[in-house]
Amino acid sequence: MTVDINKTDGPADTPPAGPEAIKAIPVRHYGRYISAVIALALLGGIVYAFSQGKINWDAIPDYFFNDRVLSGVGRTLLLTVLSMLIGVVGGIVLAVMRLSRNPVTSSIAWFYIWFFRGTPVLVQLIVWFNLGLVFEYINLGPFYKDEWSDFMTPFLTALLGLGLNEAAYMAEICRAGLLAVDEGQTEAAHALGMSHSKTLRRIVIPQAMRVIVPPTGNEVINMLKTTSLVSVVQYSELLRVAQDIGQTSGAPAEMLFLAAAWYLVLTSIFSVGQYYLERYYARGSSRSLPATPLQKIRANLLSLSNRSSAGGAA
């Protein structure tokens, strides 16, 4: 009698039983639902309170694109751009001076930053406007000579007050960005025979921009709002124009809301520009760039369409 050792009691082609599929049950976060309801209730209460207030909301769209308002918006943007230009250039110079091994230039930069960061912008603007008490005339030799009151116009007062103050803050931002670059980069550049200035331009500053750009974008937005302070030196920017229109039209509160709406529009536009600028300088520092707002919207729409098609097929 022969026995077949390959023969088994069960079917030969039956696969082994695998693990049972896990049925995941999502956890319910009741705290999120309660906090969302509370937040919506508070928001609804605030909206209702403003809707019942004695405010003529129709006056805001009537003056939103008024010629005087648009001219104030243009002056605000011009002052913001020029002040930031002075601040960025001055900040880079002060940062390099602060990092210099020369004790004189380093001390001068430190004193400048200490003084302008330690005094309020509003005080600086008023001091610039009243320096005629100290300097009766401004004399630049054969190039220019005039009385201080005629030379220091409201626009120049606003530009110097905001720009020189911003240079102190940008100096610290630039210094932090320069220090964030590894010293080995500078040593390697010097070993290749590059000068100190060329090393800054070609090696250090391009790498430091990744650290400098985000806080600089915040400074631009902050500068846009800080321009409202120059109304005290009689410069007709957005807030000053809105206040003048409010006094003549009998709607002072409405014009303040109008100015706030314009500031929100401008800061939103600058925020979008800041996002794309940060994304540009993030190249090479991360494996994948963050998605743009349009890419996020497209991805969400695509996921919704896939879910709907999957539900219809089921």
Foldseek 3Di string as FASTA:
>chain_A
DDDDPPDDPDDPPDDDDDDDDDDDDDDDDVVVVVVVVVVVVVVVVVVVVVVPDPADLVVLVVCLPPPLLVVQAVLLVVLLVLLLVLQQVLLVVLLVQCPDPPPVSVVVSVVLLCVLVVDDLLVQLVCLQPCCVVVQWDDPDPPDIDGSNVVCALSNSSSCSRNSSSNSVSNVQLNVLQVVDDVVQVVVCVVVVDDPVVCVVPPRVLNSCLSNLPVSLVVSLVSSVVSLSSVVRVDRHNNVSLCVCCVVVVRNVSSVVSSVVSSVVVNVVSVLVSLVVSQVSCPPVDPDGDDHPVRVVVVVVVVVVVVVVVVVVD
